[in-house]
Amino acid sequence: MSKIDEARKEINVIDKEMAELFEKRMEAVKEIANFKKENGISILDSKREDEIINSNSLNIKDVVVREYYVNFIKEVMSESKKYQMRLNSGMKIAYTGVPGAFAYIAAKKMFPNCEYVAFPDFKKAYNSVVDGLCDCVVLPIENSTAGDVGNVLDLIYTGSLHINQVMSVDIVQNLLAVKGATKETIKTVYSHPQALAQSSEYIRSHNYDEIECVNTAIAAKSVSEKNDISIAAIASNETASLYNLEIIEANINSNKNNSTRFACFSRVLNENKKSEPNMNFIICFTVANEAGSLANALNIIGSNGFNMRNLRSRPMKNSLWKYYFYAELEGNIFSEAGKDLMIQLKTVCDDLKLIGTYSIN
């Protein structure tokens, strides 16, 4: 047998072993896909992929071959993601508004190739998951310019769903109108209250009147349907093509570093016991209305070594002049330190809820 025949025979044996290992790998991928579906976690995890590439490539001793291995493992992971998407293609993702809304854009980034179900308001979208009509719901929780989304925070506190994923989406607001409209013909702008707030300087400089809409995409749809050169929408550029509108002026938001944080809610809490970099968790709590009660809770958080990224207070709907607190903290709540934290907080909090955990990629 010639050397080339021997080499081909060896490759055939290796390919057979690789095929068996590939099938075994895809079985593990299926388990991961099911876990992500159940917990409302994105298929894409760039940080995890980079870690795999960096660590596994070190197993290749030949540095030249290592270059090709990097491409090989990237292709394997690409096929794995496609398989996960296929397995999870039946997922129903709730969001508010219509196609083109920023929540729709966030939902597509979190869950590509799924079914996206639109709802007219936050509560109906949220309850669609509570009632089992949808698997997850993607809702905005905070904008870097306009602040927190109070109605969603209230759902977080009063509802039963958990947050297992948070994603920031850059928000670029644009002035959209029907063909023939100009900045001079426009007298009134339609948009969501936060989009109007984000573009307030531009609106004031042109002396436009404002009309609030449920969200930016519905504003764009309304402007398209009215076909009036005196009105415009403030919305994403995606909505321009969706609703046959012209971009009269792009990037009109006052703060160019403008982004909205969207959270994905699901019925299951992701109990990730393994500590990973950039882990965070969310809690909501109430304390007695007396001097030092909030300070006691904050001191417990600090003394246990958890850094607080965010703290918000919101009035409780059914109790006059009483407030609940929403907090995001860095670290693993399922670690021993996290368990101790929750035990200690329960001694000073009237009500304490673990809302969810997420990682910052």
Protein backbone atom coordinates (compact mmCIF):
# COMPACT_ATOMS: atom_id res chain seq x y z
CA MET A 1 0.00 0.00 0.00
CA SER A 2 1.38 3.41 -0.98
CA LYS A 3 1.89 6.21 1.53
CA ILE A 4 -1.01 8.17 0.06
CA ASP A 5 -3.32 5.17 0.41
CA GLU A 6 -2.20 4.70 4.01
CA ALA A 7 -2.86 8.38 4.72
CA ARG A 8 -6.33 8.20 3.13
CA LYS A 9 -7.15 5.07 5.13
CA GLU A 10 -6.13 6.85 8.33
CA ILE A 11 -8.26 9.87 7.38
CA ASN A 12 -11.25 7.58 6.80
CA VAL A 13 -10.87 6.13 10.30
CA ILE A 14 -10.47 9.61 11.82
CA ASP A 15 -13.47 10.95 9.88
CA LYS A 16 -15.62 8.12 11.18
CA GLU A 17 -14.54 8.91 14.74
CA MET A 18 -15.15 12.61 14.14
CA ALA A 19 -18.65 11.88 12.78
CA GLU A 20 -19.48 9.91 15.94
CA LEU A 21 -18.08 12.70 18.13
CA PHE A 22 -19.94 15.35 16.11
CA GLU A 23 -23.22 13.54 16.63
CA LYS A 24 -22.45 13.23 20.33
CA ARG A 25 -21.61 16.94 20.46
CA MET A 26 -24.91 17.84 18.79
CA GLU A 27 -26.79 15.78 21.38
CA ALA A 28 -25.19 17.98 24.05
CA VAL A 29 -26.10 21.05 21.95
CA LYS A 30 -29.73 19.88 22.00
CA GLU A 31 -29.67 19.88 25.81
CA ILE A 32 -28.23 23.39 25.80
CA ALA A 33 -30.93 24.54 23.35
CA ASN A 34 -33.65 23.13 25.60
CA PHE A 35 -32.12 24.83 28.64
CA LYS A 36 -31.90 28.17 26.83
CA LYS A 37 -35.49 27.88 25.63
CA GLU A 38 -36.75 27.08 29.11
CA ASN A 39 -34.78 29.90 30.74
CA GLY A 40 -35.20 32.54 28.06
CA ILE A 41 -31.51 32.83 27.18
CA SER A 42 -30.10 33.84 23.79
CA ILE A 43 -28.56 31.23 21.53
CA LEU A 44 -25.67 33.56 20.74
CA ASP A 45 -23.05 33.77 23.50
CA SER A 46 -19.99 35.46 21.97
CA LYS A 47 -18.06 35.50 25.21
CA ARG A 48 -18.48 31.76 25.71
CA GLU A 49 -17.43 31.12 22.09
CA ASP A 50 -14.25 33.17 22.50
CA GLU A 51 -13.38 31.26 25.67
CA ILE A 52 -13.82 27.91 23.87
CA ILE A 53 -11.69 28.99 20.93
CA ASN A 54 -8.91 30.35 23.12
CA SER A 55 -8.75 27.37 25.46
CA ASN A 56 -9.25 24.57 22.91
CA SER A 57 -6.78 25.97 20.39
CA LEU A 58 -4.03 25.54 22.98
CA ASN A 59 -4.53 21.76 22.63
CA ILE A 60 -3.10 22.00 19.12
CA LYS A 61 0.68 21.78 19.39
CA ASP A 62 1.50 22.70 15.79
CA VAL A 63 1.09 26.51 15.63
CA VAL A 64 0.41 26.46 11.88
CA VAL A 65 -2.27 23.79 12.25
CA ARG A 66 -3.68 25.79 15.16
CA GLU A 67 -4.65 28.57 12.74
CA TYR A 68 -6.79 26.14 10.78
CA TYR A 69 -8.24 24.65 13.95
CA VAL A 70 -9.54 28.08 14.97
CA ASN A 71 -11.49 28.28 11.70
CA PHE A 72 -12.62 24.67 12.12
CA ILE A 73 -14.03 25.16 15.62
CA LYS A 74 -15.72 28.41 14.55
CA GLU A 75 -17.49 26.51 11.79
CA VAL A 76 -18.52 23.76 14.21
CA MET A 77 -19.97 26.37 16.58
CA SER A 78 -21.74 28.06 13.68
CA GLU A 79 -23.45 24.78 12.79
CA SER A 80 -24.30 24.25 16.45
CA LYS A 81 -26.04 27.65 16.58
CA LYS A 82 -27.99 26.83 13.42
CA TYR A 83 -29.11 23.57 15.03
CA GLN A 84 -30.17 25.39 18.20
CA MET A 85 -32.14 27.90 16.11
CA ARG A 86 -33.88 25.06 14.32
CA LEU A 87 -34.76 23.37 17.59
CA ASN A 88 -36.03 26.64 19.08
CA SER A 89 -37.70 27.98 15.94
CA GLY A 90 -41.07 27.23 17.49
CA MET A 91 -40.47 29.68 20.34
CA LYS A 92 -42.99 32.49 20.64
CA ILE A 93 -41.43 35.76 21.77
CA ALA A 94 -43.78 38.49 22.99
CA TYR A 95 -43.01 42.19 22.61
CA THR A 96 -44.94 45.46 22.57
CA GLY A 97 -45.83 47.37 19.43
CA VAL A 98 -45.53 46.35 15.82
CA PRO A 99 -42.64 45.19 13.62
CA GLY A 100 -39.90 47.79 13.66
CA ALA A 101 -40.36 48.77 17.31
CA PHE A 102 -37.14 48.78 19.33
CA ALA A 103 -38.51 45.90 21.43
CA TYR A 104 -39.01 43.96 18.19
CA ILE A 105 -35.40 44.71 17.20
CA ALA A 106 -34.18 43.56 20.64
CA ALA A 107 -36.31 40.38 20.47
CA LYS A 108 -34.82 39.48 17.07
CA LYS A 109 -31.29 40.00 18.40
CA MET A 110 -31.95 37.83 21.45
CA PHE A 111 -33.87 35.12 19.61
CA PRO A 112 -33.21 34.93 15.84
CA ASN A 113 -35.60 32.93 13.64
CA CYS A 114 -38.43 32.69 16.17
CA GLU A 115 -42.07 33.73 16.05
CA TYR A 116 -42.54 37.29 17.31
CA VAL A 117 -45.94 38.07 18.80
CA ALA A 118 -46.96 41.73 19.16
CA PHE A 119 -49.04 43.08 22.05
CA PRO A 120 -50.44 46.59 22.53
CA ASP A 121 -49.03 47.20 26.01
CA PHE A 122 -46.49 45.94 28.57
CA LYS A 123 -49.00 44.17 30.82
CA LYS A 124 -50.64 42.15 28.04
CA ALA A 125 -47.23 41.15 26.67
CA TYR A 126 -46.08 40.15 30.16
CA ASN A 127 -49.24 38.16 30.91
CA SER A 128 -48.94 36.27 27.61
CA VAL A 129 -45.96 34.48 29.17
CA VAL A 130 -47.62 34.08 32.57
CA ASP A 131 -50.60 32.44 30.85
CA GLY A 132 -48.40 30.23 28.64
CA LEU A 133 -49.37 31.82 25.32
CA CYS A 134 -45.74 32.81 24.67
CA ASP A 135 -42.41 31.42 25.87
CA CYS A 136 -40.66 34.72 26.68
CA VAL A 137 -41.33 38.43 26.60
CA VAL A 138 -38.82 41.18 25.79
CA LEU A 139 -39.52 44.51 27.51
CA PRO A 140 -37.54 47.73 28.04
CA ILE A 141 -36.42 48.43 31.60
CA GLU A 142 -34.24 51.53 31.30
CA ASN A 143 -33.11 54.17 28.82
CA SER A 144 -29.80 55.97 29.24
CA THR A 145 -31.47 59.35 28.58
CA ALA A 146 -35.08 59.09 29.74
CA GLY A 147 -34.47 56.80 32.75
CA ASP A 148 -36.29 53.71 33.95
CA VAL A 149 -39.52 52.37 32.46
CA GLY A 150 -41.72 52.57 35.55
CA ASN A 151 -44.59 50.40 34.30
CA VAL A 152 -42.21 47.53 33.54
CA LEU A 153 -40.49 47.85 36.94
CA ASP A 154 -43.93 47.58 38.54
CA LEU A 155 -44.57 44.36 36.61
CA ILE A 156 -41.19 43.06 37.76
CA TYR A 157 -42.11 43.64 41.38
CA THR A 158 -45.72 42.45 41.33
CA GLY A 159 -45.44 39.68 38.71
CA SER A 160 -44.21 36.10 38.79
CA LEU A 161 -41.79 36.07 35.84
CA HIS A 162 -37.99 36.01 36.07
CA ILE A 163 -35.31 37.93 34.20
CA ASN A 164 -32.56 35.72 32.80
CA GLN A 165 -31.15 38.02 30.14
CA VAL A 166 -30.51 41.75 29.73
CA MET A 167 -29.33 43.36 26.48
CA SER A 168 -28.49 46.97 25.59
CA VAL A 169 -29.69 48.20 22.21
CA ASP A 170 -28.37 51.46 20.75
CA ILE A 171 -31.25 53.81 20.13
CA VAL A 172 -31.05 56.15 17.16
CA GLN A 173 -34.14 58.26 16.67
CA ASN A 174 -35.01 59.56 13.20
CA LEU A 175 -37.58 61.96 11.83
CA LEU A 176 -39.75 59.97 9.39
CA ALA A 177 -42.52 61.22 7.11
CA VAL A 178 -44.33 60.45 3.88
CA LYS A 179 -42.86 61.34 0.51
CA GLY A 180 -43.07 65.07 -0.17
CA ALA A 181 -42.78 66.12 3.45
CA THR A 182 -39.96 68.38 4.62
CA LYS A 183 -38.84 69.78 7.96
CA GLU A 184 -40.77 72.92 7.03
CA THR A 185 -44.09 71.20 6.17
CA ILE A 186 -44.06 69.14 9.35
CA LYS A 187 -46.02 70.64 12.25
CA THR A 188 -46.61 67.65 14.56
CA VAL A 189 -44.52 64.66 15.58
CA TYR A 190 -45.85 61.30 16.80
CA SER A 191 -43.87 58.95 19.04
CA HIS A 192 -43.53 57.15 22.34
CA PRO A 193 -43.10 59.51 25.33
CA GLN A 194 -39.51 58.39 25.88
CA ALA A 195 -38.59 58.91 22.22
CA LEU A 196 -40.11 62.39 22.44
CA ALA A 197 -38.06 63.06 25.57
CA GLN A 198 -34.91 61.77 23.90
CA SER A 199 -35.48 64.14 20.96
CA SER A 200 -36.81 67.09 22.97
CA GLU A 201 -34.10 69.56 21.91
CA TYR A 202 -34.72 68.88 18.23
CA ILE A 203 -38.50 69.12 18.68
CA ARG A 204 -38.23 72.45 20.51
CA SER A 205 -35.82 73.88 17.94
CA HIS A 206 -38.40 73.24 15.18
CA ASN A 207 -41.40 74.20 17.34
CA TYR A 208 -43.20 70.93 16.61
CA ASP A 209 -46.31 69.84 18.50
CA GLU A 210 -46.16 66.39 20.12
CA ILE A 211 -48.61 63.49 20.13
CA GLU A 212 -47.80 60.45 22.28
CA CYS A 213 -48.17 56.91 20.94
CA VAL A 214 -47.85 53.48 22.52
CA ASN A 215 -44.46 53.01 20.82
CA THR A 216 -42.31 54.37 18.03
CA ALA A 217 -43.27 51.80 15.38
CA ILE A 218 -46.99 52.41 15.91
CA ALA A 219 -46.25 56.11 15.47
CA ALA A 220 -44.55 55.38 12.15
CA LYS A 221 -47.42 53.17 11.04
CA SER A 222 -49.93 55.87 11.92
CA VAL A 223 -48.02 58.53 9.98
CA SER A 224 -47.86 56.23 6.97
CA GLU A 225 -51.60 55.54 7.08
CA LYS A 226 -52.55 59.21 7.44
CA ASN A 227 -50.36 60.17 4.43
CA ASP A 228 -50.13 63.79 5.59
CA ILE A 229 -47.02 65.93 4.95
CA SER A 230 -47.70 67.96 8.10
CA ILE A 231 -47.04 65.06 10.47
CA ALA A 232 -43.97 62.93 11.14
CA ALA A 233 -42.89 60.06 13.37
CA ILE A 234 -39.82 59.75 15.54
CA ALA A 235 -38.68 56.15 15.22
CA SER A 236 -35.96 53.73 14.11
CA ASN A 237 -34.70 53.64 10.53
CA GLU A 238 -36.02 50.05 10.28
CA THR A 239 -39.57 51.40 10.44
CA ALA A 240 -38.95 53.71 7.47
CA SER A 241 -38.62 50.79 5.04
CA LEU A 242 -41.37 48.79 6.78
CA TYR A 243 -43.94 51.58 6.44
CA ASN A 244 -42.71 53.26 3.25
CA LEU A 245 -41.56 56.47 4.96
CA GLU A 246 -38.74 58.85 4.10
CA ILE A 247 -35.97 59.65 6.58
CA ILE A 248 -36.28 63.43 6.77
CA GLU A 249 -33.43 63.70 9.28
CA ALA A 250 -31.41 60.98 10.98
CA ASN A 251 -30.06 60.75 14.51
CA ILE A 252 -32.11 63.53 16.08
CA ASN A 253 -31.89 62.30 19.68
CA SER A 254 -30.24 64.86 21.95
CA ASN A 255 -27.77 62.43 23.52
CA LYS A 256 -25.85 60.51 20.87
CA ASN A 257 -24.81 57.92 23.45
CA ASN A 258 -28.37 56.72 23.73
CA SER A 259 -29.29 53.11 24.49
CA THR A 260 -32.12 51.13 26.02
CA ARG A 261 -31.72 48.07 28.19
CA PHE A 262 -34.17 45.30 27.38
CA ALA A 263 -34.88 42.36 29.66
CA CYS A 264 -36.12 38.93 28.66
CA PHE A 265 -38.69 37.47 31.04
CA SER A 266 -39.53 33.77 31.35
CA ARG A 267 -41.40 31.55 33.78
CA VAL A 268 -38.26 29.79 35.07
CA LEU A 269 -35.45 31.20 37.21
CA ASN A 270 -32.01 30.36 35.79
CA GLU A 271 -30.26 28.92 38.85
CA ASN A 272 -26.70 29.13 37.57
CA LYS A 273 -24.61 27.81 40.46
CA LYS A 274 -21.33 28.21 38.60
CA SER A 275 -19.54 31.53 39.10
CA GLU A 276 -18.70 33.28 35.86
CA PRO A 277 -17.25 36.71 35.09
CA ASN A 278 -19.71 39.61 34.85
CA MET A 279 -22.55 37.84 36.65
CA ASN A 280 -25.34 40.04 38.00
CA PHE A 281 -28.63 39.55 39.80
CA ILE A 282 -31.78 41.56 40.43
CA ILE A 283 -33.74 41.81 43.67
CA CYS A 284 -36.82 43.76 44.74
CA PHE A 285 -37.51 44.50 48.38
CA THR A 286 -39.48 46.63 50.82
CA VAL A 287 -38.48 47.86 54.26
CA ALA A 288 -40.34 49.32 57.20
CA ASN A 289 -41.18 53.03 56.99
CA GLU A 290 -38.85 54.04 59.80
CA ALA A 291 -35.48 55.73 60.20
CA GLY A 292 -32.50 53.61 59.18
CA SER A 293 -34.45 50.69 57.66
CA LEU A 294 -33.20 51.22 54.11
CA ALA A 295 -29.68 51.93 55.38
CA ASN A 296 -29.71 48.59 57.20
CA ALA A 297 -30.47 46.74 53.97
CA LEU A 298 -27.82 48.64 52.02
CA ASN A 299 -25.22 48.03 54.74
CA ILE A 300 -25.88 44.28 54.54
CA ILE A 301 -25.35 44.36 50.77
CA GLY A 302 -22.08 46.26 51.17
CA SER A 303 -20.77 44.18 54.08
CA ASN A 304 -21.24 41.00 52.04
CA GLY A 305 -19.06 42.40 49.25
CA PHE A 306 -21.72 42.95 46.58
CA ASN A 307 -21.43 46.08 44.46
CA MET A 308 -24.74 47.71 43.58
CA ARG A 309 -25.02 48.73 39.93
CA ASN A 310 -28.50 50.18 40.15
CA LEU A 311 -31.03 51.19 42.80
CA ARG A 312 -34.52 52.49 42.06
CA SER A 313 -37.51 53.30 44.28
CA ARG A 314 -41.10 53.07 43.07
CA PRO A 315 -44.39 53.82 44.83
CA MET A 316 -46.48 50.79 45.71
CA LYS A 317 -49.82 50.93 43.92
CA ASN A 318 -51.95 49.63 46.78
CA SER A 319 -50.21 51.35 49.70
CA LEU A 320 -50.21 55.13 50.04
CA TRP A 321 -46.73 56.64 50.50
CA LYS A 322 -45.02 53.26 50.63
CA TYR A 323 -42.25 52.28 48.23
CA TYR A 324 -40.48 49.20 46.95
CA PHE A 325 -36.87 49.12 45.81
CA TYR A 326 -35.41 47.60 42.65
CA ALA A 327 -31.69 46.78 42.76
CA GLU A 328 -29.15 45.23 40.40
CA LEU A 329 -26.00 43.83 41.99
CA GLU A 330 -22.77 42.31 40.71
CA GLY A 331 -21.93 38.71 41.61
CA ASN A 332 -23.40 35.22 41.86
CA ILE A 333 -26.47 35.11 44.07
CA PHE A 334 -26.24 31.29 44.21
CA SER A 335 -22.76 31.36 45.79
CA GLU A 336 -22.37 30.92 49.54
CA ALA A 337 -21.96 34.68 49.89
CA GLY A 338 -25.14 35.18 47.87
CA LYS A 339 -27.09 32.76 50.05
CA ASP A 340 -25.85 34.54 53.20
CA LEU A 341 -26.87 37.87 51.68
CA MET A 342 -30.46 36.73 51.12
CA ILE A 343 -30.70 35.26 54.63
CA GLN A 344 -29.48 38.51 56.20
CA LEU A 345 -31.69 40.71 54.01
CA LYS A 346 -34.77 38.75 55.06
CA THR A 347 -34.15 39.88 58.65
CA VAL A 348 -34.50 43.58 57.72
CA CYS A 349 -36.83 43.48 54.69
CA ASP A 350 -40.59 43.17 54.91
CA ASP A 351 -40.64 41.64 51.42
CA LEU A 352 -37.73 40.26 49.38
CA LYS A 353 -37.84 38.76 45.87
CA LEU A 354 -35.05 37.37 43.70
CA ILE A 355 -36.10 38.48 40.22
CA GLY A 356 -33.35 36.88 38.16
CA THR A 357 -29.74 36.61 37.11
CA TYR A 358 -27.90 37.64 33.95
CA SER A 359 -24.41 38.05 32.55
CA ILE A 360 -23.00 41.10 30.77
CA ASN A 361 -21.31 40.03 27.55
